Amino acid sequence: MGKITVPFVGMIFAEIAQVTVLILSKQVMSQGMTSFIFIFYSNSIAALILLPSSFFIHRFQRPPITFSTLSGFFLLGLLGYLAQVCGYVGIYYSSSTLATAMRNLVPGFTFILAVLFRFIS
């Protein structure tokens, strides 16, 4: 596998993972789990996987932790949490098929926003 195909394979695996999480979330929430508990569990599993791998990969080059960096982490975490709450509450009231189809609209919205903010002329 060459260097050209690696991003495509990564993108395919990321899409498969996202669709799997959406389908599993609908299944467990239909059995009675609240969206807040599901978000807590999924973020806990992600932290257990990603934090050790991050320390292993960047063990020789750690940037200094400043207030600006920490506040950026907090803001990203808060926005990510709110986006997850809105998404999973939407899945609770609709279907996982609709949520998966809505993910296909993201590139179109990104293009529209890029044109509106003049990133693309």
C-alpha atoms as a PDB file:
ATOM      1  CA  MET A   1       0.000   0.000   0.000  1.00  0.00           C
ATOM      2  CA  GLY A   2       1.550   3.263  -1.096  1.00  0.00           C
ATOM      3  CA  LYS A   3       1.548   6.642   0.567  1.00  0.00           C
ATOM      4  CA  ILE A   4      -1.238   7.791  -1.731  1.00  0.00           C
ATOM      5  CA  THR A   5      -3.774   5.220  -0.546  1.00  0.00           C
ATOM      6  CA  VAL A   6      -3.183   5.611   3.214  1.00  0.00           C
ATOM      7  CA  PRO A   7      -5.448   8.701   3.616  1.00  0.00           C
ATOM      8  CA  PHE A   8      -8.248   6.995   1.704  1.00  0.00           C
ATOM      9  CA  VAL A   9      -8.037   3.862   3.824  1.00  0.00           C
ATOM     10  CA  GLY A  10      -8.001   6.002   6.970  1.00  0.00           C
ATOM     11  CA  MET A  11     -11.054   7.899   5.760  1.00  0.00           C
ATOM     12  CA  ILE A  12     -12.919   4.663   5.063  1.00  0.00           C
ATOM     13  CA  PHE A  13     -12.125   3.308   8.533  1.00  0.00           C
ATOM     14  CA  ALA A  14     -13.196   6.612  10.133  1.00  0.00           C
ATOM     15  CA  GLU A  15     -16.535   6.529   8.303  1.00  0.00           C
ATOM     16  CA  ILE A  16     -17.109   2.900   9.266  1.00  0.00           C
ATOM     17  CA  ALA A  17     -16.361   3.741  12.897  1.00  0.00           C
ATOM     18  CA  GLN A  18     -18.737   6.731  12.898  1.00  0.00           C
ATOM     19  CA  VAL A  19     -21.584   4.780  11.321  1.00  0.00           C
ATOM     20  CA  THR A  20     -21.033   1.912  13.769  1.00  0.00           C
ATOM     21  CA  VAL A  21     -21.194   4.294  16.729  1.00  0.00           C
ATOM     22  CA  LEU A  22     -24.395   5.869  15.390  1.00  0.00           C
ATOM     23  CA  ILE A  23     -26.089   2.500  14.958  1.00  0.00           C
ATOM     24  CA  LEU A  24     -24.926   1.266  18.373  1.00  0.00           C
ATOM     25  CA  SER A  25     -26.041   4.494  20.032  1.00  0.00           C
ATOM     26  CA  LYS A  26     -29.552   4.144  18.634  1.00  0.00           C
ATOM     27  CA  GLN A  27     -29.673   0.533  19.781  1.00  0.00           C
ATOM     28  CA  VAL A  28     -28.525   1.176  23.356  1.00  0.00           C
ATOM     29  CA  MET A  29     -30.669   4.302  23.733  1.00  0.00           C
ATOM     30  CA  SER A  30     -33.736   2.394  22.572  1.00  0.00           C
ATOM     31  CA  GLN A  31     -33.034  -0.089  25.383  1.00  0.00           C
ATOM     32  CA  GLY A  32     -33.107   2.675  28.007  1.00  0.00           C
ATOM     33  CA  MET A  33     -29.633   4.228  28.256  1.00  0.00           C
ATOM     34  CA  THR A  34     -29.659   8.025  28.321  1.00  0.00           C
ATOM     35  CA  SER A  35     -27.602   9.988  25.834  1.00  0.00           C
ATOM     36  CA  PHE A  36     -25.543  11.565  28.635  1.00  0.00           C
ATOM     37  CA  ILE A  37     -24.404   8.173  29.933  1.00  0.00           C
ATOM     38  CA  PHE A  38     -23.595   6.988  26.407  1.00  0.00           C
ATOM     39  CA  ILE A  39     -21.511  10.120  25.799  1.00  0.00           C
ATOM     40  CA  PHE A  40     -19.679   9.565  29.097  1.00  0.00           C
ATOM     41  CA  TYR A  41     -18.886   5.947  28.220  1.00  0.00           C
ATOM     42  CA  SER A  42     -17.793   6.691  24.662  1.00  0.00           C
ATOM     43  CA  ASN A  43     -15.565   9.598  25.721  1.00  0.00           C
ATOM     44  CA  SER A  44     -14.062   7.505  28.528  1.00  0.00           C
ATOM     45  CA  ILE A  45     -13.178   4.701  26.126  1.00  0.00           C
ATOM     46  CA  ALA A  46     -11.730   7.211  23.658  1.00  0.00           C
ATOM     47  CA  ALA A  47      -9.611   8.809  26.399  1.00  0.00           C
ATOM     48  CA  LEU A  48      -8.319   5.418  27.542  1.00  0.00           C
ATOM     49  CA  ILE A  49      -7.243   4.631  23.984  1.00  0.00           C
ATOM     50  CA  LEU A  50      -5.972   8.021  22.812  1.00  0.00           C
ATOM     51  CA  LEU A  51      -4.124   9.394  25.861  1.00  0.00           C
ATOM     52  CA  PRO A  52      -1.565   6.574  26.177  1.00  0.00           C
ATOM     53  CA  SER A  53      -0.999   6.541  22.429  1.00  0.00           C
ATOM     54  CA  SER A  54      -0.451  10.310  22.462  1.00  0.00           C
ATOM     55  CA  PHE A  55       2.109  10.063  25.251  1.00  0.00           C
ATOM     56  CA  PHE A  56       3.855   7.218  23.431  1.00  0.00           C
ATOM     57  CA  ILE A  57       4.028   9.023  20.083  1.00  0.00           C
ATOM     58  CA  HIS A  58       5.032  12.455  21.469  1.00  0.00           C
ATOM     59  CA  ARG A  59       7.260  11.338  24.350  1.00  0.00           C
ATOM     60  CA  PHE A  60      10.329  13.223  23.083  1.00  0.00           C
ATOM     61  CA  GLN A  61       8.650  16.447  21.948  1.00  0.00           C
ATOM     62  CA  ARG A  62       6.162  17.823  24.441  1.00  0.00           C
ATOM     63  CA  PRO A  63       5.151  21.449  23.966  1.00  0.00           C
ATOM     64  CA  PRO A  64       4.751  23.617  27.069  1.00  0.00           C
ATOM     65  CA  ILE A  65       1.265  23.739  28.544  1.00  0.00           C
ATOM     66  CA  THR A  66       0.147  27.351  28.794  1.00  0.00           C
ATOM     67  CA  PHE A  67      -3.113  28.930  29.874  1.00  0.00           C
ATOM     68  CA  SER A  68      -3.983  29.568  26.237  1.00  0.00           C
ATOM     69  CA  THR A  69      -3.482  25.897  25.375  1.00  0.00           C
ATOM     70  CA  LEU A  70      -5.541  24.707  28.333  1.00  0.00           C
ATOM     71  CA  SER A  71      -8.357  27.149  27.598  1.00  0.00           C
ATOM     72  CA  GLY A  72      -8.372  25.984  23.969  1.00  0.00           C
ATOM     73  CA  PHE A  73      -8.639  22.357  25.130  1.00  0.00           C
ATOM     74  CA  PHE A  74     -11.503  23.300  27.438  1.00  0.00           C
ATOM     75  CA  LEU A  75     -13.354  25.172  24.693  1.00  0.00           C
ATOM     76  CA  LEU A  76     -12.916  22.318  22.205  1.00  0.00           C
ATOM     77  CA  GLY A  77     -14.074  19.804  24.805  1.00  0.00           C
ATOM     78  CA  LEU A  78     -17.138  21.872  25.676  1.00  0.00           C
ATOM     79  CA  LEU A  79     -18.128  22.376  22.043  1.00  0.00           C
ATOM     80  CA  GLY A  80     -17.547  18.692  21.295  1.00  0.00           C
ATOM     81  CA  TYR A  81     -19.673  17.660  24.270  1.00  0.00           C
ATOM     82  CA  LEU A  82     -22.517  19.980  23.239  1.00  0.00           C
ATOM     83  CA  ALA A  83     -22.351  18.693  19.657  1.00  0.00           C
ATOM     84  CA  GLN A  84     -22.506  15.106  20.910  1.00  0.00           C
ATOM     85  CA  VAL A  85     -25.476  15.865  23.166  1.00  0.00           C
ATOM     86  CA  CYS A  86     -27.367  17.513  20.303  1.00  0.00           C
ATOM     87  CA  GLY A  87     -26.501  14.676  17.929  1.00  0.00           C
ATOM     88  CA  TYR A  88     -27.489  11.845  20.253  1.00  0.00           C
ATOM     89  CA  VAL A  89     -30.689  13.548  21.368  1.00  0.00           C
ATOM     90  CA  GLY A  90     -31.520  13.909  17.669  1.00  0.00           C
ATOM     91  CA  ILE A  91     -30.829  10.208  17.129  1.00  0.00           C
ATOM     92  CA  TYR A  92     -33.088   9.401  20.072  1.00  0.00           C
ATOM     93  CA  TYR A  93     -35.991  11.214  18.395  1.00  0.00           C
ATOM     94  CA  SER A  94     -35.253  10.013  14.847  1.00  0.00           C
ATOM     95  CA  SER A  95     -33.415   7.108  13.243  1.00  0.00           C
ATOM     96  CA  SER A  96     -29.755   6.249  12.946  1.00  0.00           C
ATOM     97  CA  THR A  97     -30.265   6.073   9.179  1.00  0.00           C
ATOM     98  CA  LEU A  98     -31.174   9.761   9.109  1.00  0.00           C
ATOM     99  CA  ALA A  99     -28.143  10.629  11.244  1.00  0.00           C
ATOM    100  CA  THR A 100     -25.874   8.669   8.917  1.00  0.00           C
ATOM    101  CA  ALA A 101     -27.381  10.404   5.882  1.00  0.00           C
ATOM    102  CA  MET A 102     -26.903  13.805   7.528  1.00  0.00           C
ATOM    103  CA  ARG A 103     -23.167  13.093   7.812  1.00  0.00           C
ATOM    104  CA  ASN A 104     -23.023  13.081   4.011  1.00  0.00           C
ATOM    105  CA  LEU A 105     -24.141  16.726   3.980  1.00  0.00           C
ATOM    106  CA  VAL A 106     -21.084  17.933   5.918  1.00  0.00           C
ATOM    107  CA  PRO A 107     -18.835  18.431   2.835  1.00  0.00           C
ATOM    108  CA  GLY A 108     -21.562  20.470   1.147  1.00  0.00           C
ATOM    109  CA  PHE A 109     -22.038  22.704   4.174  1.00  0.00           C
ATOM    110  CA  THR A 110     -18.261  23.077   4.455  1.00  0.00           C
ATOM    111  CA  PHE A 111     -18.092  24.225   0.845  1.00  0.00           C
ATOM    112  CA  ILE A 112     -20.939  26.716   1.342  1.00  0.00           C
ATOM    113  CA  LEU A 113     -19.274  28.158   4.452  1.00  0.00           C
ATOM    114  CA  ALA A 114     -15.923  28.361   2.642  1.00  0.00           C
ATOM    115  CA  VAL A 115     -17.546  30.350  -0.164  1.00  0.00           C
ATOM    116  CA  LEU A 116     -19.408  32.612   2.281  1.00  0.00           C
ATOM    117  CA  PHE A 117     -16.256  33.375   4.283  1.00  0.00           C
ATOM    118  CA  ARG A 118     -14.277  33.840   1.050  1.00  0.00           C
ATOM    119  CA  PHE A 119     -11.841  30.974   1.599  1.00  0.00           C
ATOM    120  CA  ILE A 120     -12.688  29.871  -1.947  1.00  0.00           C
ATOM    121  CA  SER A 121     -13.090  32.487  -4.636  1.00  0.00           C
END
